[in-house]
Amino acid sequence: AKNTVYLQMNSLKPEDTAVYYCNANRVSEYWGQGTQVTV
């Protein structure tokens, strides 16, 4: 209904540090610009 996907991240570890990208995939594939997560 909101055209939104979520990622709830708990118990984060330093090795989870990365740029996180959203992806949409069917016949075509789309990417977001990314968001930085630093643990």
All heavy atoms as atom14 arrays in JSON, in Angstrom:
{
  "sequence": "AKNTVYLQMNSLKPEDTAVYYCNANRVSEYWGQGTQVTV",
  "atom14_mask": [
    [1, 1, 1, 1, 1, 0, 0, 0, 0, 0, 0, 0, 0, 0],
    [1, 1, 1, 1, 1, 1, 1, 1, 1, 0, 0, 0, 0, 0],
    [1, 1, 1, 1, 1, 1, 1, 1, 0, 0, 0, 0, 0, 0],
    [1, 1, 1, 1, 1, 1, 1, 0, 0, 0, 0, 0, 0, 0],
    [1, 1, 1, 1, 1, 1, 1, 0, 0, 0, 0, 0, 0, 0],
    [1, 1, 1, 1, 1, 1, 1, 1, 1, 1, 1, 1, 0, 0],
    [1, 1, 1, 1, 1, 1, 1, 1, 0, 0, 0, 0, 0, 0],
    [1, 1, 1, 1, 1, 1, 1, 1, 1, 0, 0, 0, 0, 0],
    [1, 1, 1, 1, 1, 1, 1, 1, 0, 0, 0, 0, 0, 0],
    [1, 1, 1, 1, 1, 1, 1, 1, 0, 0, 0, 0, 0, 0],
    [1, 1, 1, 1, 1, 1, 0, 0, 0, 0, 0, 0, 0, 0],
    [1, 1, 1, 1, 1, 1, 1, 1, 0, 0, 0, 0, 0, 0],
    [1, 1, 1, 1, 1, 1, 1, 1, 1, 0, 0, 0, 0, 0],
    [1, 1, 1, 1, 1, 1, 1, 0, 0, 0, 0, 0, 0, 0],
    [1, 1, 1, 1, 1, 1, 1, 1, 1, 0, 0, 0, 0, 0],
    [1, 1, 1, 1, 1, 1, 1, 1, 0, 0, 0, 0, 0, 0],
    [1, 1, 1, 1, 1, 1, 1, 0, 0, 0, 0, 0, 0, 0],
    [1, 1, 1, 1, 1, 0, 0, 0, 0, 0, 0, 0, 0, 0],
    [1, 1, 1, 1, 1, 1, 1, 0, 0, 0, 0, 0, 0, 0],
    [1, 1, 1, 1, 1, 1, 1, 1, 1, 1, 1, 1, 0, 0],
    [1, 1, 1, 1, 1, 1, 1, 1, 1, 1, 1, 1, 0, 0],
    [1, 1, 1, 1, 1, 1, 0, 0, 0, 0, 0, 0, 0, 0],
    [1, 1, 1, 1, 1, 1, 1, 1, 0, 0, 0, 0, 0, 0],
    [1, 1, 1, 1, 1, 0, 0, 0, 0, 0, 0, 0, 0, 0],
    [1, 1, 1, 1, 1, 1, 1, 1, 0, 0, 0, 0, 0, 0],
    [1, 1, 1, 1, 1, 1, 1, 1, 1, 1, 1, 0, 0, 0],
    [1, 1, 1, 1, 1, 1, 1, 0, 0, 0, 0, 0, 0, 0],
    [1, 1, 1, 1, 1, 1, 0, 0, 0, 0, 0, 0, 0, 0],
    [1, 1, 1, 1, 1, 1, 1, 1, 1, 0, 0, 0, 0, 0],
    [1, 1, 1, 1, 1, 1, 1, 1, 1, 1, 1, 1, 0, 0],
    [1, 1, 1, 1, 1, 1, 1, 1, 1, 1, 1, 1, 1, 1],
    [1, 1, 1, 1, 0, 0, 0, 0, 0, 0, 0, 0, 0, 0],
    [1, 1, 1, 1, 1, 1, 1, 1, 1, 0, 0, 0, 0, 0],
    [1, 1, 1, 1, 0, 0, 0, 0, 0, 0, 0, 0, 0, 0],
    [1, 1, 1, 1, 1, 1, 1, 0, 0, 0, 0, 0, 0, 0],
    [1, 1, 1, 1, 1, 1, 1, 1, 1, 0, 0, 0, 0, 0],
    [1, 1, 1, 1, 1, 1, 1, 0, 0, 0, 0, 0, 0, 0],
    [1, 1, 1, 1, 1, 1, 1, 0, 0, 0, 0, 0, 0, 0],
    [1, 1, 1, 1, 1, 1, 1, 0, 0, 0, 0, 0, 0, 0]
  ],
  "atom14_positions": [
    [[0.82, -1.2, 0.0], [0.0, 0.0, 0.0], [0.86, 1.26, 0.0], [0.44, 2.31, -0.49], [-0.94, 0.0, 1.19], [0.0, 0.0, 0.0], [0.0, 0.0, 0.0], [0.0, 0.0, 0.0], [0.0, 0.0, 0.0], [0.0, 0.0, 0.0], [0.0, 0.0, 0.0], [0.0, 0.0, 0.0], [0.0, 0.0, 0.0], [0.0, 0.0, 0.0]],
    [[2.06, 1.15, 0.56], [2.97, 2.3, 0.64], [4.12, 2.2, -0.35], [5.0, 3.06, -0.35], [3.53, 2.43, 2.06], [2.47, 2.73, 3.11], [3.11, 2.9, 4.49], [2.06, 3.25, 5.53], [2.66, 3.43, 6.88], [0.0, 0.0, 0.0], [0.0, 0.0, 0.0], [0.0, 0.0, 0.0], [0.0, 0.0, 0.0], [0.0, 0.0, 0.0]],
    [[4.13, 1.15, -1.17], [5.23, 0.95, -2.12], [6.59, 1.03, -1.43], [7.52, 1.69, -1.92], [5.16, 1.98, -3.26], [4.06, 1.7, -4.25], [3.3, 0.73, -4.1], [3.93, 2.52, -5.25], [0.0, 0.0, 0.0], [0.0, 0.0, 0.0], [0.0, 0.0, 0.0], [0.0, 0.0, 0.0], [0.0, 0.0, 0.0], [0.0, 0.0, 0.0]],
    [[6.7, 0.36, -0.3], [7.9, 0.46, 0.51], [8.34, -0.93, 0.99], [7.5, -1.75, 1.36], [7.67, 1.38, 1.72], [7.3, 2.69, 1.25], [8.93, 1.51, 2.56], [0.0, 0.0, 0.0], [0.0, 0.0, 0.0], [0.0, 0.0, 0.0], [0.0, 0.0, 0.0], [0.0, 0.0, 0.0], [0.0, 0.0, 0.0], [0.0, 0.0, 0.0]],
    [[9.64, -1.14, 0.99], [10.22, -2.34, 1.56], [11.13, -1.93, 2.71], [11.77, -0.86, 2.65], [10.97, -3.17, 0.49], [12.14, -2.39, -0.11], [11.44, -4.5, 1.05], [0.0, 0.0, 0.0], [0.0, 0.0, 0.0], [0.0, 0.0, 0.0], [0.0, 0.0, 0.0], [0.0, 0.0, 0.0], [0.0, 0.0, 0.0], [0.0, 0.0, 0.0]],
    [[11.16, -2.75, 3.74], [11.9, -2.43, 4.96], [12.94, -3.51, 5.25], [12.79, -4.66, 4.85], [10.95, -2.33, 6.15], [9.83, -1.35, 5.97], [8.57, -1.76, 5.55], [10.02, 0.01, 6.22], [7.53, -0.85, 5.38], [8.99, 0.92, 6.06], [7.75, 0.48, 5.64], [6.72, 1.39, 5.47], [0.0, 0.0, 0.0], [0.0, 0.0, 0.0]],
    [[13.95, -3.13, 5.99], [14.9, -4.09, 6.53], [15.14, -3.71, 7.99], [15.77, -2.7, 8.28], [16.22, -4.08, 5.76], [17.22, -5.15, 6.2], [16.69, -6.56, 5.86], [18.58, -4.93, 5.55], [0.0, 0.0, 0.0], [0.0, 0.0, 0.0], [0.0, 0.0, 0.0], [0.0, 0.0, 0.0], [0.0, 0.0, 0.0], [0.0, 0.0, 0.0]],
    [[14.59, -4.52, 8.89], [14.84, -4.34, 10.31], [16.11, -5.09, 10.67], [16.19, -6.3, 10.45], [13.65, -4.87, 11.12], [13.84, -4.77, 12.62], [13.89, -3.33, 13.11], [13.09, -2.5, 12.7], [14.83, -3.03, 14.0], [0.0, 0.0, 0.0], [0.0, 0.0, 0.0], [0.0, 0.0, 0.0], [0.0, 0.0, 0.0], [0.0, 0.0, 0.0]],
    [[17.07, -4.37, 11.22], [18.37, -4.94, 11.54], [18.59, -4.85, 13.05], [18.65, -3.73, 13.59], [19.48, -4.21, 10.78], [19.26, -4.19, 9.28], [20.67, -3.47, 8.38], [20.6, -1.79, 8.96], [0.0, 0.0, 0.0], [0.0, 0.0, 0.0], [0.0, 0.0, 0.0], [0.0, 0.0, 0.0], [0.0, 0.0, 0.0], [0.0, 0.0, 0.0]],
    [[18.69, -5.99, 13.7], [18.92, -6.05, 15.13], [20.26, -6.72, 15.42], [20.84, -7.38, 14.54], [17.8, -6.84, 15.81], [16.44, -6.2, 15.64], [16.31, -4.98, 15.55], [15.4, -7.02, 15.58], [0.0, 0.0, 0.0], [0.0, 0.0, 0.0], [0.0, 0.0, 0.0], [0.0, 0.0, 0.0], [0.0, 0.0, 0.0], [0.0, 0.0, 0.0]],
    [[20.73, -6.55, 16.62], [22.0, -7.17, 17.06], [23.11, -6.91, 16.04], [23.82, -7.82, 15.63], [21.8, -8.68, 17.26], [20.79, -8.94, 18.2], [0.0, 0.0, 0.0], [0.0, 0.0, 0.0], [0.0, 0.0, 0.0], [0.0, 0.0, 0.0], [0.0, 0.0, 0.0], [0.0, 0.0, 0.0], [0.0, 0.0, 0.0], [0.0, 0.0, 0.0]],
    [[23.24, -5.67, 15.66], [24.2, -5.32, 14.61], [25.63, -5.56, 15.07], [25.97, -5.38, 16.25], [24.0, -3.87, 14.19], [22.8, -3.67, 13.25], [22.35, -2.21, 13.24], [23.15, -4.12, 11.84], [0.0, 0.0, 0.0], [0.0, 0.0, 0.0], [0.0, 0.0, 0.0], [0.0, 0.0, 0.0], [0.0, 0.0, 0.0], [0.0, 0.0, 0.0]],
    [[26.44, -5.97, 14.11], [27.85, -6.28, 14.34], [28.71, -5.37, 13.47], [28.26, -4.89, 12.41], [28.13, -7.73, 13.97], [27.26, -8.74, 14.68], [27.54, -10.15, 14.17], [26.65, -11.19, 14.86], [26.93, -12.55, 14.35], [0.0, 0.0, 0.0], [0.0, 0.0, 0.0], [0.0, 0.0, 0.0], [0.0, 0.0, 0.0], [0.0, 0.0, 0.0]],
    [[29.97, -5.16, 13.85], [30.85, -4.33, 13.0], [30.94, -4.85, 11.57], [31.06, -4.05, 10.64], [32.2, -4.43, 13.73], [31.83, -4.64, 15.16], [30.6, -5.5, 15.13], [0.0, 0.0, 0.0], [0.0, 0.0, 0.0], [0.0, 0.0, 0.0], [0.0, 0.0, 0.0], [0.0, 0.0, 0.0], [0.0, 0.0, 0.0], [0.0, 0.0, 0.0]],
    [[30.86, -6.15, 11.39], [30.94, -6.71, 10.04], [29.69, -6.45, 9.19], [29.67, -6.76, 8.0], [31.23, -8.22, 10.08], [30.31, -9.01, 10.97], [30.91, -9.26, 12.36], [31.49, -8.32, 12.94], [30.76, -10.4, 12.86], [0.0, 0.0, 0.0], [0.0, 0.0, 0.0], [0.0, 0.0, 0.0], [0.0, 0.0, 0.0], [0.0, 0.0, 0.0]],
    [[28.65, -5.86, 9.78], [27.49, -5.44, 9.01], [27.71, -4.08, 8.36], [26.86, -3.61, 7.59], [26.25, -5.38, 9.91], [25.83, -6.73, 10.44], [25.84, -7.71, 9.66], [25.48, -6.82, 11.64], [0.0, 0.0, 0.0], [0.0, 0.0, 0.0], [0.0, 0.0, 0.0], [0.0, 0.0, 0.0], [0.0, 0.0, 0.0], [0.0, 0.0, 0.0]],
    [[28.81, -3.43, 8.68], [29.11, -2.12, 8.1], [29.25, -2.22, 6.58], [30.02, -3.04, 6.07], [30.41, -1.56, 8.7], [30.21, -1.32, 10.1], [30.81, -0.27, 8.01], [0.0, 0.0, 0.0], [0.0, 0.0, 0.0], [0.0, 0.0, 0.0], [0.0, 0.0, 0.0], [0.0, 0.0, 0.0], [0.0, 0.0, 0.0], [0.0, 0.0, 0.0]],
    [[28.47, -1.42, 5.88], [28.46, -1.46, 4.41], [27.5, -0.39, 3.9], [26.76, 0.22, 4.68], [28.0, -2.84, 3.91], [0.0, 0.0, 0.0], [0.0, 0.0, 0.0], [0.0, 0.0, 0.0], [0.0, 0.0, 0.0], [0.0, 0.0, 0.0], [0.0, 0.0, 0.0], [0.0, 0.0, 0.0], [0.0, 0.0, 0.0], [0.0, 0.0, 0.0]],
    [[27.52, -0.2, 2.59], [26.46, 0.55, 1.93], [25.36, -0.45, 1.57], [25.65, -1.49, 0.96], [26.97, 1.27, 0.68], [25.81, 2.01, -0.01], [28.08, 2.24, 1.04], [0.0, 0.0, 0.0], [0.0, 0.0, 0.0], [0.0, 0.0, 0.0], [0.0, 0.0, 0.0], [0.0, 0.0, 0.0], [0.0, 0.0, 0.0], [0.0, 0.0, 0.0]],
    [[24.16, -0.14, 1.97], [23.02, -1.02, 1.73], [22.19, -0.47, 0.56], [21.83, 0.7, 0.55], [22.17, -1.14, 2.99], [22.79, -2.06, 4.02], [23.94, -1.68, 4.71], [22.25, -3.31, 4.3], [24.54, -2.52, 5.63], [22.83, -4.17, 5.23], [23.98, -3.76, 5.89], [24.56, -4.61, 6.8], [0.0, 0.0, 0.0], [0.0, 0.0, 0.0]],
    [[21.88, -1.37, -0.37], [21.16, -0.99, -1.58], [19.84, -1.73, -1.66], [19.75, -2.94, -1.38], [21.98, -1.34, -2.82], [23.28, -0.6, -2.94], [24.45, -1.12, -2.42], [23.34, 0.61, -3.61], [25.66, -0.46, -2.55], [24.55, 1.3, -3.75], [25.69, 0.75, -3.22], [26.88, 1.42, -3.35], [0.0, 0.0, 0.0], [0.0, 0.0, 0.0]],
    [[18.84, -1.02, -2.1], [17.54, -1.6, -2.38], [17.5, -2.04, -3.85], [18.04, -1.36, -4.72], [16.47, -0.53, -2.12], [14.77, -1.02, -2.44], [0.0, 0.0, 0.0], [0.0, 0.0, 0.0], [0.0, 0.0, 0.0], [0.0, 0.0, 0.0], [0.0, 0.0, 0.0], [0.0, 0.0, 0.0], [0.0, 0.0, 0.0], [0.0, 0.0, 0.0]],
    [[16.86, -3.18, -4.09], [16.79, -3.74, -5.44], [15.37, -4.18, -5.75], [14.7, -4.75, -4.89], [17.75, -4.93, -5.54], [17.61, -5.7, -6.83], [16.81, -6.62, -6.94], [18.39, -5.3, -7.82], [0.0, 0.0, 0.0], [0.0, 0.0, 0.0], [0.0, 0.0, 0.0], [0.0, 0.0, 0.0], [0.0, 0.0, 0.0], [0.0, 0.0, 0.0]],
    [[14.93, -3.92, -6.95], [13.65, -4.41, -7.45], [13.92, -5.26, -8.68], [14.69, -4.85, -9.57], [12.72, -3.26, -7.8], [0.0, 0.0, 0.0], [0.0, 0.0, 0.0], [0.0, 0.0, 0.0], [0.0, 0.0, 0.0], [0.0, 0.0, 0.0], [0.0, 0.0, 0.0], [0.0, 0.0, 0.0], [0.0, 0.0, 0.0], [0.0, 0.0, 0.0]],
    [[13.32, -6.42, -8.74], [13.66, -7.35, -9.82], [12.42, -8.1, -10.29], [11.71, -8.72, -9.5], [14.71, -8.33, -9.32], [15.3, -9.14, -10.44], [15.14, -8.81, -11.62], [15.97, -10.23, -10.11], [0.0, 0.0, 0.0], [0.0, 0.0, 0.0], [0.0, 0.0, 0.0], [0.0, 0.0, 0.0], [0.0, 0.0, 0.0], [0.0, 0.0, 0.0]],
    [[12.19, -8.02, -11.59], [11.21, -8.89, -12.25], [11.72, -9.08, -13.66], [12.77, -9.71, -13.84], [9.8, -8.3, -12.19], [8.72, -9.3, -12.55], [7.33, -8.81, -12.26], [6.33, -9.83, -12.51], [5.54, -9.86, -13.57], [5.63, -8.92, -14.48], [4.64, -10.83, -13.7], [0.0, 0.0, 0.0], [0.0, 0.0, 0.0], [0.0, 0.0, 0.0]],
    [[11.07, -8.53, -14.62], [11.63, -8.55, -15.97], [12.75, -7.53, -16.06], [13.83, -7.79, -16.62], [10.55, -8.26, -17.02], [11.17, -8.18, -18.41], [9.47, -9.33, -16.97], [0.0, 0.0, 0.0], [0.0, 0.0, 0.0], [0.0, 0.0, 0.0], [0.0, 0.0, 0.0], [0.0, 0.0, 0.0], [0.0, 0.0, 0.0], [0.0, 0.0, 0.0]],
    [[12.52, -6.37, -15.46], [13.55, -5.34, -15.35], [14.12, -5.33, -13.93], [13.52, -5.86, -13.0], [12.95, -3.96, -15.66], [12.41, -3.92, -16.97], [0.0, 0.0, 0.0], [0.0, 0.0, 0.0], [0.0, 0.0, 0.0], [0.0, 0.0, 0.0], [0.0, 0.0, 0.0], [0.0, 0.0, 0.0], [0.0, 0.0, 0.0], [0.0, 0.0, 0.0]],
    [[15.28, -4.73, -13.81], [15.93, -4.65, -12.49], [16.29, -3.2, -12.21], [16.83, -2.51, -13.08], [17.18, -5.52, -12.45], [17.83, -5.59, -11.08], [18.97, -6.58, -11.03], [19.64, -6.76, -12.06], [19.2, -7.19, -9.96], [0.0, 0.0, 0.0], [0.0, 0.0, 0.0], [0.0, 0.0, 0.0], [0.0, 0.0, 0.0], [0.0, 0.0, 0.0]],
    [[16.01, -2.76, -10.98], [16.3, -1.39, -10.58], [17.06, -1.39, -9.26], [16.89, -2.29, -8.43], [14.98, -0.61, -10.41], [14.03, -0.7, -11.58], [12.77, -1.29, -11.44], [14.39, -0.2, -12.83], [11.9, -1.37, -12.51], [13.52, -0.29, -13.9], [12.28, -0.88, -13.74], [11.42, -0.97, -14.82], [0.0, 0.0, 0.0], [0.0, 0.0, 0.0]],
    [[17.87, -0.33, -9.09], [18.68, -0.18, -7.88], [18.47, 1.21, -7.28], [18.3, 2.19, -8.01], [20.17, -0.34, -8.21], [20.54, -1.73, -8.58], [20.59, -2.26, -9.83], [20.94, -2.78, -7.69], [20.99, -3.57, -9.77], [21.21, -3.91, -8.47], [21.09, -2.86, -6.31], [21.63, -5.12, -7.91], [21.5, -4.05, -5.75], [21.76, -5.18, -6.55]],
    [[18.56, 1.29, -5.97], [18.6, 2.57, -5.3], [20.02, 3.09, -5.24], [20.96, 2.45, -5.71], [0.0, 0.0, 0.0], [0.0, 0.0, 0.0], [0.0, 0.0, 0.0], [0.0, 0.0, 0.0], [0.0, 0.0, 0.0], [0.0, 0.0, 0.0], [0.0, 0.0, 0.0], [0.0, 0.0, 0.0], [0.0, 0.0, 0.0], [0.0, 0.0, 0.0]],
    [[20.17, 4.25, -4.63], [21.48, 4.9, -4.58], [22.32, 4.43, -3.41], [23.52, 4.7, -3.36], [21.31, 6.43, -4.52], [21.03, 6.99, -3.13], [19.64, 6.69, -2.61], [18.77, 6.22, -3.34], [19.39, 6.97, -1.34], [0.0, 0.0, 0.0], [0.0, 0.0, 0.0], [0.0, 0.0, 0.0], [0.0, 0.0, 0.0], [0.0, 0.0, 0.0]],
    [[21.7, 3.75, -2.46], [22.42, 3.2, -1.32], [22.36, 4.09, -0.09], [22.23, 5.32, -0.2], [0.0, 0.0, 0.0], [0.0, 0.0, 0.0], [0.0, 0.0, 0.0], [0.0, 0.0, 0.0], [0.0, 0.0, 0.0], [0.0, 0.0, 0.0], [0.0, 0.0, 0.0], [0.0, 0.0, 0.0], [0.0, 0.0, 0.0], [0.0, 0.0, 0.0]],
    [[22.46, 3.45, 1.06], [22.52, 4.17, 2.33], [23.6, 3.53, 3.19], [23.7, 2.3, 3.27], [21.16, 4.18, 3.04], [21.21, 5.0, 4.21], [20.7, 2.79, 3.44], [0.0, 0.0, 0.0], [0.0, 0.0, 0.0], [0.0, 0.0, 0.0], [0.0, 0.0, 0.0], [0.0, 0.0, 0.0], [0.0, 0.0, 0.0], [0.0, 0.0, 0.0]],
    [[24.41, 4.36, 3.83], [25.55, 3.86, 4.6], [25.08, 3.39, 5.97], [24.38, 4.11, 6.69], [26.59, 4.96, 4.76], [27.78, 4.57, 5.63], [28.68, 3.54, 4.96], [29.02, 3.67, 3.8], [29.07, 2.52, 5.72], [0.0, 0.0, 0.0], [0.0, 0.0, 0.0], [0.0, 0.0, 0.0], [0.0, 0.0, 0.0], [0.0, 0.0, 0.0]],
    [[25.52, 2.21, 6.35], [25.33, 1.69, 7.7], [26.71, 1.44, 8.3], [27.51, 0.71, 7.72], [24.5, 0.39, 7.71], [24.5, -0.24, 9.1], [23.08, 0.67, 7.23], [0.0, 0.0, 0.0], [0.0, 0.0, 0.0], [0.0, 0.0, 0.0], [0.0, 0.0, 0.0], [0.0, 0.0, 0.0], [0.0, 0.0, 0.0], [0.0, 0.0, 0.0]],
    [[26.98, 2.06, 9.43], [28.26, 1.9, 10.11], [28.0, 1.42, 11.52], [27.26, 2.07, 12.27], [29.04, 3.22, 10.14], [29.25, 3.68, 8.8], [30.4, 3.02, 10.82], [0.0, 0.0, 0.0], [0.0, 0.0, 0.0], [0.0, 0.0, 0.0], [0.0, 0.0, 0.0], [0.0, 0.0, 0.0], [0.0, 0.0, 0.0], [0.0, 0.0, 0.0]],
    [[28.59, 0.28, 11.84], [28.45, -0.3, 13.18], [29.8, -0.2, 13.87], [30.75, -0.88, 13.5], [27.97, -1.75, 13.13], [27.72, -2.28, 14.54], [26.72, -1.88, 12.27], [0.0, 0.0, 0.0], [0.0, 0.0, 0.0], [0.0, 0.0, 0.0], [0.0, 0.0, 0.0], [0.0, 0.0, 0.0], [0.0, 0.0, 0.0], [0.0, 0.0, 0.0]]
  ]
}
